[in-house]
Amino acid sequence: MQRLTVALYLGIIAGSLLGLEFRYKLEPGEAYRVISRVSEKVRYGQIEYANTFLNRIAIEVTKREGERVFCEARFVTAAQVGIGWDVYSMEREYESRYWLSPSGKVEIAPEYVMPVVRDVPLFPEEDVQPGDSWVAQGEEVHDFEELGLTRPFRFPILVRYTYEGEVDWKGRRLHLLKVEYPVFHEPSVPDPSPMAPVRIHGYSRQRHYWDAERGMLVYYEEEFAFVLTLKTGDVYEFTGTADAEVVWASPLDREKVREEVEAAIEDLQIPDAEVETSEEGVTIRLENIQFPPDSALLLPEEQEKLRKIAQILSRYPERDLLVEGHTALAGTPEGRLALSIERAKAVADFLMKLGVRRPEQIVIRGYGATRPIADNTTEEGRSRNRRVEITILEN
């Protein structure tokens, strides 16, 4: 159960002599991203396991209508899916579009399932002083597609806010909001899926840190506990923590970076490497990547190639990376997909071992043989399709 909140979207706090007026003041053309981490334990009967998620959210303000602004967002969710995994494997991508008012009210079409938490925070019209509290309505929306639901699972929340005043956070003076709400909901008409939830109860306790000088929310943290009961009588318990941070990055000059990377590949004499730009960023394609048969073990010559690639990637330390694995057309679709993920992981692990990026700065994805770039009926084509692509992301 992932935790994503509109509270992470930029806000401006204007000061006054009597207190603070909390208001969002986004402008068209502004763009930023949010990195969210979720660690949770799940209990189902006698079974207990842990999940760790990384959510990357890219938001752009595209237009204004009166006081409200229109935001377009892309949510990418990734998880550490294996025991002992440090790297995150991409799971889902979502698009979302919504109107945001100065008070934090969100107007969004029902088909969008992100963000999960909406109308949080929702600010009062009057100025706020330390110790002041208020209560406002919010909403949670969950995509339980894995349970076979035909529509998003949504329920109201009644949120209590307390302005705690100024605090020190990482050497900065910020404004702290305490945000809490209980959850108890039984849908009057459950989804027709036999696995549909019939009850959810629990709580969320959050702390939001606002930078008054920069006019933005810079950090959020949460602890939560929820119990989900299904039609089948199965009960799932979720407990955990989450945090998120707004990250600014200047736009990536794709053509300039592509030219720089191409020149570096030529200087370092890296074979079977090509560079191209895409909507996501600048991609280095390593063709004919060599692994032992049906293995994700990096051979020594491939490690040497990746050491040279690491030198190039180190020139762009503020940019996150996407590592994608591809296979030739051999074996079963399931086996090819698993192998492509394992090989992408092997490359990402090696880059992290070299200190190129931290785990939260790399996401992997496997495609199996579903995206060939050459003819799989020839050995030359198959060697090109056995590849790994490393994208320097736009962020």
Protein backbone atom coordinates (compact mmCIF):
# COMPACT_ATOMS: atom_id res chain seq x y z
CA MET A 1 0.00 0.00 0.00
CA GLN A 2 2.00 2.95 -1.27
CA ARG A 3 1.76 6.43 0.17
CA LEU A 4 1.78 9.35 -2.28
CA THR A 5 0.38 12.74 -1.33
CA VAL A 6 -0.45 16.05 -2.96
CA ALA A 7 1.16 17.55 0.14
CA LEU A 8 4.44 17.18 -1.72
CA TYR A 9 3.52 19.79 -4.28
CA LEU A 10 5.07 23.21 -4.01
CA GLY A 11 3.53 25.86 -1.84
CA ILE A 12 4.30 29.46 -1.02
CA ILE A 13 3.91 30.68 2.53
CA ALA A 14 3.42 34.42 2.79
CA GLY A 15 4.21 36.03 6.10
CA SER A 16 2.16 38.63 7.94
CA LEU A 17 2.47 40.50 11.21
CA LEU A 18 -0.13 38.29 12.90
CA GLY A 19 0.85 34.89 11.58
CA LEU A 20 1.42 32.94 8.40
CA GLU A 21 -0.95 32.71 5.48
CA PHE A 22 -0.45 29.28 3.96
CA ARG A 23 -1.15 29.36 0.23
CA TYR A 24 0.00 27.48 -2.84
CA LYS A 25 1.35 29.91 -5.45
CA LEU A 26 2.44 27.84 -8.40
CA GLU A 27 3.11 29.46 -11.75
CA PRO A 28 2.83 28.02 -15.27
CA GLY A 29 6.18 26.81 -16.54
CA GLU A 30 7.39 25.57 -13.15
CA ALA A 31 8.53 21.95 -13.06
CA TYR A 32 10.00 19.84 -10.29
CA ARG A 33 10.16 16.28 -9.02
CA VAL A 34 9.49 14.42 -5.81
CA ILE A 35 11.36 11.36 -4.55
CA SER A 36 9.29 9.29 -2.12
CA ARG A 37 10.41 6.22 -0.16
CA VAL A 38 8.09 3.76 1.59
CA SER A 39 9.12 0.94 3.93
CA GLU A 40 6.36 -1.33 5.16
CA LYS A 41 5.70 -4.68 6.77
CA VAL A 42 2.76 -6.75 5.59
CA ARG A 43 1.12 -9.47 7.65
CA TYR A 44 -1.32 -11.98 6.20
CA GLY A 45 -2.28 -14.70 8.66
CA GLN A 46 0.98 -16.26 9.82
CA ILE A 47 2.91 -14.84 6.85
CA GLU A 48 4.90 -11.63 7.26
CA TYR A 49 7.08 -9.90 4.68
CA ALA A 50 8.58 -6.48 3.98
CA ASN A 51 8.21 -4.11 1.02
CA THR A 52 10.38 -1.16 0.08
CA PHE A 53 9.14 1.24 -2.60
CA LEU A 54 10.68 4.17 -4.42
CA ASN A 55 8.32 6.61 -6.12
CA ARG A 56 9.54 9.22 -8.61
CA ILE A 57 7.06 11.97 -9.39
CA ALA A 58 7.61 14.59 -12.09
CA ILE A 59 5.23 17.57 -11.99
CA GLU A 60 4.80 20.45 -14.41
CA VAL A 61 2.45 23.42 -14.04
CA THR A 62 1.05 24.05 -17.51
CA LYS A 63 -1.58 26.78 -17.20
CA ARG A 64 -3.54 29.07 -14.89
CA GLU A 65 -7.27 29.73 -14.69
CA GLY A 66 -8.10 32.42 -12.16
CA GLU A 67 -6.36 31.51 -8.91
CA ARG A 68 -6.05 27.79 -9.62
CA VAL A 69 -3.35 26.13 -11.72
CA PHE A 70 -3.33 22.99 -13.86
CA CYS A 71 -0.70 20.37 -13.06
CA GLU A 72 0.44 17.45 -15.19
CA ALA A 73 2.24 14.69 -13.32
CA ARG A 74 3.95 11.40 -14.08
CA PHE A 75 4.29 8.85 -11.29
CA VAL A 76 6.78 5.97 -11.54
CA THR A 77 6.68 3.34 -8.81
CA ALA A 78 9.55 0.92 -8.20
CA ALA A 79 10.26 -1.73 -5.58
CA GLN A 80 13.11 -3.75 -4.15
CA VAL A 81 11.65 -7.05 -5.27
CA GLY A 82 14.26 -9.59 -4.18
CA ILE A 83 15.83 -10.61 -0.90
CA GLY A 84 19.01 -8.62 -0.46
CA TRP A 85 18.25 -6.31 -3.39
CA ASP A 86 19.52 -2.74 -3.12
CA VAL A 87 18.40 -1.72 -6.59
CA TYR A 88 14.78 -0.78 -7.36
CA SER A 89 12.84 -2.49 -10.16
CA MET A 90 10.21 -0.42 -11.97
CA GLU A 91 6.66 -1.66 -11.43
CA ARG A 92 4.08 0.83 -12.71
CA GLU A 93 3.75 4.19 -14.42
CA TYR A 94 0.79 6.53 -13.98
CA GLU A 95 -0.22 9.80 -15.57
CA SER A 96 -2.30 12.35 -13.69
CA ARG A 97 -3.79 15.79 -14.40
CA TYR A 98 -5.56 18.01 -11.92
CA TRP A 99 -6.39 21.56 -10.89
CA LEU A 100 -4.86 22.87 -7.65
CA SER A 101 -6.29 25.85 -5.76
CA PRO A 102 -4.30 28.18 -3.46
CA SER A 103 -5.82 26.49 -0.39
CA GLY A 104 -4.72 23.03 -1.59
CA LYS A 105 -8.05 21.80 -2.97
CA VAL A 106 -7.57 19.30 -5.80
CA GLU A 107 -10.00 18.91 -8.70
CA ILE A 108 -9.25 15.70 -10.57
CA ALA A 109 -11.11 13.37 -12.95
CA PRO A 110 -12.23 10.04 -11.42
CA GLU A 111 -10.11 7.88 -13.73
CA TYR A 112 -6.83 9.06 -12.19
CA VAL A 113 -5.51 6.94 -9.31
CA MET A 114 -2.55 9.14 -8.42
CA PRO A 115 -1.86 10.85 -6.12
CA VAL A 116 -3.12 8.50 -3.43
CA VAL A 117 -3.71 11.19 -0.78
CA ARG A 118 -5.65 14.27 -1.93
CA ASP A 119 -6.63 17.60 -0.40
CA VAL A 120 -3.83 17.18 2.13
CA PRO A 121 -2.80 19.69 3.30
CA LEU A 122 -5.88 21.88 2.98
CA PHE A 123 -5.31 25.33 4.46
CA PRO A 124 -7.71 27.72 6.25
CA GLU A 125 -8.44 31.17 4.85
CA GLU A 126 -7.14 33.01 7.92
CA ASP A 127 -3.54 33.44 9.07
CA VAL A 128 -2.11 30.68 11.25
CA GLN A 129 -0.01 31.04 14.39
CA PRO A 130 2.04 28.40 16.25
CA GLY A 131 -0.30 26.13 18.21
CA ASP A 132 -3.29 26.75 15.93
CA SER A 133 -5.21 23.68 14.75
CA TRP A 134 -7.89 23.07 12.15
CA VAL A 135 -9.77 20.14 10.63
CA ALA A 136 -10.50 19.57 6.93
CA GLN A 137 -11.82 16.83 4.66
CA GLY A 138 -9.46 14.84 2.44
CA GLU A 139 -9.52 11.64 0.41
CA GLU A 140 -7.44 8.54 -0.28
CA VAL A 141 -7.60 6.66 -3.59
CA HIS A 142 -5.93 3.26 -4.13
CA ASP A 143 -5.28 1.21 -7.24
CA PHE A 144 -5.91 -2.37 -6.11
CA GLU A 145 -5.71 -3.75 -9.64
CA GLU A 146 -3.92 -6.85 -8.35
CA LEU A 147 -7.13 -7.69 -6.45
CA GLY A 148 -9.15 -7.54 -9.67
CA LEU A 149 -10.99 -4.32 -8.79
CA THR A 150 -12.90 -2.69 -11.63
CA ARG A 151 -12.52 0.83 -10.20
CA PRO A 152 -10.22 2.67 -7.78
CA PHE A 153 -10.88 2.11 -4.08
CA ARG A 154 -11.54 5.51 -2.52
CA PHE A 155 -12.60 6.70 0.91
CA PRO A 156 -12.89 10.01 2.80
CA ILE A 157 -10.53 11.08 5.57
CA LEU A 158 -10.99 13.76 8.23
CA VAL A 159 -7.61 15.39 8.77
CA ARG A 160 -6.45 17.36 11.81
CA TYR A 161 -3.68 19.93 11.34
CA THR A 162 -1.53 21.67 13.94
CA TYR A 163 0.99 24.39 13.12
CA GLU A 164 3.98 23.66 15.36
CA GLY A 165 5.95 26.79 14.47
CA GLU A 166 9.52 27.17 13.24
CA VAL A 167 12.02 24.33 13.62
CA ASP A 168 15.60 23.55 12.60
CA TRP A 169 15.86 20.97 9.83
CA LYS A 170 19.27 20.14 8.37
CA GLY A 171 20.55 23.57 9.31
CA ARG A 172 17.54 25.42 7.90
CA ARG A 173 14.68 27.26 9.56
CA LEU A 174 11.43 25.69 8.37
CA HIS A 175 7.77 25.68 9.38
CA LEU A 176 6.40 22.42 10.76
CA LEU A 177 2.87 21.11 10.32
CA LYS A 178 1.63 18.07 12.22
CA VAL A 179 -0.95 16.18 10.16
CA GLU A 180 -2.98 13.26 11.54
CA TYR A 181 -6.07 11.31 10.58
CA PRO A 182 -7.81 8.05 11.52
CA VAL A 183 -9.27 5.77 8.86
CA PHE A 184 -12.43 3.68 9.07
CA HIS A 185 -14.38 2.93 5.93
CA GLU A 186 -16.82 0.25 4.77
CA PRO A 187 -17.98 0.83 1.18
CA SER A 188 -21.76 0.81 0.89
CA VAL A 189 -21.49 -0.96 -2.47
CA PRO A 190 -18.30 -3.06 -2.66
CA ASP A 191 -16.58 -3.61 -5.98
CA PRO A 192 -17.90 -6.74 -7.78
CA SER A 193 -14.47 -8.38 -7.63
CA PRO A 194 -14.48 -11.42 -5.30
CA MET A 195 -11.29 -10.02 -3.73
CA ALA A 196 -12.71 -6.52 -3.15
CA PRO A 197 -12.03 -4.73 0.17
CA VAL A 198 -15.04 -4.50 2.48
CA ARG A 199 -13.33 -2.61 5.30
CA ILE A 200 -10.22 -0.54 5.96
CA HIS A 201 -9.20 0.99 9.26
CA GLY A 202 -6.04 2.48 10.70
CA TYR A 203 -4.23 5.81 10.98
CA SER A 204 -1.67 8.11 9.40
CA ARG A 205 0.62 10.52 11.29
CA GLN A 206 2.59 12.97 9.17
CA ARG A 207 4.97 15.90 9.55
CA HIS A 208 5.30 18.48 6.77
CA TYR A 209 8.26 20.87 6.55
CA TRP A 210 7.72 24.15 4.70
CA ASP A 211 10.45 26.56 3.61
CA ALA A 212 8.94 30.04 3.93
CA GLU A 213 11.85 31.78 2.22
CA ARG A 214 11.80 29.57 -0.87
CA GLY A 215 8.05 29.09 -0.67
CA MET A 216 7.92 25.32 -0.94
CA LEU A 217 7.46 22.10 0.96
CA VAL A 218 10.90 20.54 1.21
CA TYR A 219 10.27 17.36 3.17
CA TYR A 220 7.51 15.07 4.43
CA GLU A 221 7.56 12.06 6.75
CA GLU A 222 4.87 9.65 7.86
CA GLU A 223 4.14 6.61 9.97
CA PHE A 224 1.05 4.56 9.20
CA ALA A 225 -0.86 1.41 10.09
CA PHE A 226 -3.82 0.01 8.16
CA VAL A 227 -5.86 -3.19 8.26
CA LEU A 228 -7.57 -4.23 5.02
CA THR A 229 -10.36 -6.84 5.09
CA LEU A 230 -11.45 -8.51 1.83
CA LYS A 231 -14.72 -10.15 0.79
CA THR A 232 -13.02 -13.51 1.19
CA GLY A 233 -12.44 -12.81 4.88
CA ASP A 234 -8.69 -12.46 4.34
CA VAL A 235 -7.10 -9.74 6.45
CA TYR A 236 -3.93 -7.82 5.53
CA GLU A 237 -2.09 -5.59 7.99
CA PHE A 238 0.20 -2.83 6.74
CA THR A 239 2.55 -0.91 9.05
CA GLY A 240 5.41 1.30 8.03
CA THR A 241 7.00 4.65 7.39
CA ALA A 242 7.31 6.95 4.41
CA ASP A 243 9.18 10.10 3.55
CA ALA A 244 9.54 12.31 0.51
CA GLU A 245 11.56 15.28 -0.65
CA VAL A 246 11.14 17.86 -3.38
CA VAL A 247 14.18 17.90 -5.67
CA TRP A 248 15.00 20.61 -8.17
CA ALA A 249 17.10 19.97 -11.26
CA SER A 250 17.79 22.22 -14.21
CA PRO A 251 16.43 20.99 -17.57
CA LEU A 252 18.66 18.47 -19.29
CA ASP A 253 20.23 19.79 -22.49
CA ARG A 254 19.77 16.50 -24.32
CA GLU A 255 21.65 17.37 -27.49
CA LYS A 256 24.61 18.79 -25.60
CA VAL A 257 24.80 15.75 -23.32
CA ARG A 258 24.43 13.38 -26.29
CA GLU A 259 27.36 15.03 -28.04
CA GLU A 260 29.46 14.92 -24.86
CA VAL A 261 28.70 11.25 -24.27
CA GLU A 262 29.40 10.30 -27.90
CA ALA A 263 32.76 12.08 -27.74
CA ALA A 264 33.64 10.33 -24.47
CA ILE A 265 32.69 6.91 -25.88
CA GLU A 266 34.99 7.54 -28.83
CA ASP A 267 37.83 8.78 -26.62
CA LEU A 268 37.51 5.78 -24.28
CA GLN A 269 37.16 3.39 -27.24
CA ILE A 270 34.05 1.65 -25.90
CA PRO A 271 32.86 -0.93 -28.49
CA ASP A 272 29.24 -1.65 -29.45
CA ALA A 273 27.94 1.54 -27.82
CA GLU A 274 25.48 4.03 -29.28
CA VAL A 275 23.87 7.18 -27.89
CA GLU A 276 20.42 8.60 -28.57
CA THR A 277 18.02 11.09 -27.03
CA SER A 278 14.50 10.26 -25.90
CA GLU A 279 11.67 11.80 -23.92
CA GLU A 280 13.19 10.32 -20.76
CA GLY A 281 16.71 11.67 -21.31
CA VAL A 282 19.92 10.51 -23.01
CA THR A 283 20.36 6.77 -23.53
CA ILE A 284 23.62 4.83 -23.87
CA ARG A 285 22.90 1.57 -25.69
CA LEU A 286 25.38 -1.23 -25.01
CA GLU A 287 24.82 -3.89 -27.67
CA ASN A 288 26.15 -7.44 -27.73
CA ILE A 289 26.48 -7.37 -23.95
CA GLN A 290 28.15 -10.64 -22.96
CA PHE A 291 26.88 -12.92 -20.21
CA PRO A 292 27.33 -16.66 -19.77
CA PRO A 293 24.35 -18.59 -21.22
CA ASP A 294 21.16 -18.09 -19.16
CA SER A 295 23.17 -16.10 -16.62
CA ALA A 296 23.30 -12.53 -15.30
CA LEU A 297 26.96 -12.79 -14.27
CA LEU A 298 29.03 -9.97 -15.76
CA LEU A 299 32.08 -11.22 -17.63
CA PRO A 300 35.43 -9.45 -17.00
CA GLU A 301 35.42 -7.72 -20.40
CA GLU A 302 31.94 -6.34 -19.74
CA GLN A 303 33.03 -5.09 -16.33
CA GLU A 304 35.86 -3.20 -18.00
CA LYS A 305 33.39 -1.67 -20.46
CA LEU A 306 31.15 -0.59 -17.58
CA ARG A 307 34.09 0.98 -15.74
CA LYS A 308 34.53 3.27 -18.73
CA ILE A 309 30.79 3.97 -18.86
CA ALA A 310 30.97 4.83 -15.15
CA GLN A 311 33.53 7.54 -15.92
CA ILE A 312 31.01 9.13 -18.28
CA LEU A 313 28.06 8.82 -15.91
CA SER A 314 30.08 10.40 -13.10
CA ARG A 315 30.07 13.66 -15.07
CA TYR A 316 26.32 13.99 -14.42
CA PRO A 317 26.01 13.11 -10.71
CA GLU A 318 22.74 14.99 -10.14
CA ARG A 319 20.91 12.91 -12.77
CA ASP A 320 19.19 9.65 -11.86
CA LEU A 321 19.67 6.57 -14.03
CA LEU A 322 17.34 4.06 -15.66
CA VAL A 323 18.95 0.70 -16.56
CA GLU A 324 16.96 -1.49 -18.95
CA GLY A 325 17.70 -5.08 -19.91
CA HIS A 326 16.82 -6.78 -23.22
CA THR A 327 17.32 -10.32 -24.49
CA ALA A 328 17.36 -12.12 -27.83
CA LEU A 329 14.45 -14.37 -28.82
CA ALA A 330 15.34 -17.60 -27.01
CA GLY A 331 13.59 -19.60 -24.31
CA THR A 332 10.18 -18.75 -22.86
CA PRO A 333 8.68 -15.24 -22.53
CA GLU A 334 8.70 -15.58 -18.74
CA GLY A 335 12.32 -16.73 -18.72
CA ARG A 336 13.40 -13.93 -21.06
CA LEU A 337 11.69 -11.30 -18.89
CA ALA A 338 13.27 -12.62 -15.69
CA LEU A 339 16.70 -12.80 -17.35
CA SER A 340 16.44 -9.24 -18.69
CA ILE A 341 15.60 -7.96 -15.20
CA GLU A 342 18.48 -9.90 -13.65
CA ARG A 343 20.93 -8.56 -16.22
CA ALA A 344 19.75 -4.98 -15.72
CA LYS A 345 20.19 -5.53 -11.99
CA ALA A 346 23.72 -6.87 -12.51
CA VAL A 347 24.68 -3.72 -14.41
CA ALA A 348 23.02 -1.43 -11.84
CA ASP A 349 24.69 -3.27 -8.95
CA PHE A 350 28.08 -2.93 -10.61
CA LEU A 351 27.60 0.81 -11.16
CA MET A 352 26.58 1.25 -7.52
CA LYS A 353 29.63 -0.75 -6.43
CA LEU A 354 31.76 1.73 -8.38
CA GLY A 355 30.09 4.59 -6.50
CA VAL A 356 28.41 6.04 -9.58
CA ARG A 357 25.00 6.38 -7.88
CA ARG A 358 23.18 5.55 -4.66
CA PRO A 359 20.44 2.87 -4.76
CA GLU A 360 17.63 5.44 -4.77
CA GLN A 361 19.19 7.07 -7.86
CA ILE A 362 18.91 3.98 -10.07
CA VAL A 363 15.80 2.20 -11.30
CA ILE A 364 15.88 -0.95 -13.44
CA ARG A 365 13.41 -2.38 -15.92
CA GLY A 366 13.38 -5.56 -18.00
CA TYR A 367 11.65 -6.12 -21.33
CA GLY A 368 12.70 -9.64 -22.28
CA ALA A 369 12.64 -9.88 -26.09
CA THR A 370 9.62 -7.60 -26.58
CA ARG A 371 11.63 -4.65 -27.96
CA PRO A 372 14.06 -5.99 -30.58
CA ILE A 373 16.17 -3.55 -32.60
CA ALA A 374 17.39 -6.17 -35.08
CA ASP A 375 16.37 -9.43 -36.75
CA ASN A 376 16.28 -12.30 -34.24
CA THR A 377 16.69 -14.88 -37.04
CA THR A 378 20.37 -14.00 -37.52
CA GLU A 379 23.23 -14.24 -35.05
CA GLU A 380 24.20 -10.65 -35.79
CA GLY A 381 20.66 -9.50 -35.02
CA ARG A 382 20.45 -11.56 -31.83
CA SER A 383 23.76 -10.11 -30.62
CA ARG A 384 22.38 -6.59 -31.07
CA ASN A 385 19.18 -7.48 -29.23
CA ARG A 386 21.18 -8.78 -26.25
CA ARG A 387 21.72 -5.33 -24.85
CA VAL A 388 21.54 -3.06 -21.84
CA GLU A 389 20.43 0.56 -22.11
CA ILE A 390 21.45 3.15 -19.53
CA THR A 391 19.46 6.39 -19.59
CA ILE A 392 20.64 9.62 -17.97
CA LEU A 393 17.24 10.83 -16.87
CA GLU A 394 15.70 14.25 -17.34
CA ASN A 395 14.65 14.22 -13.64
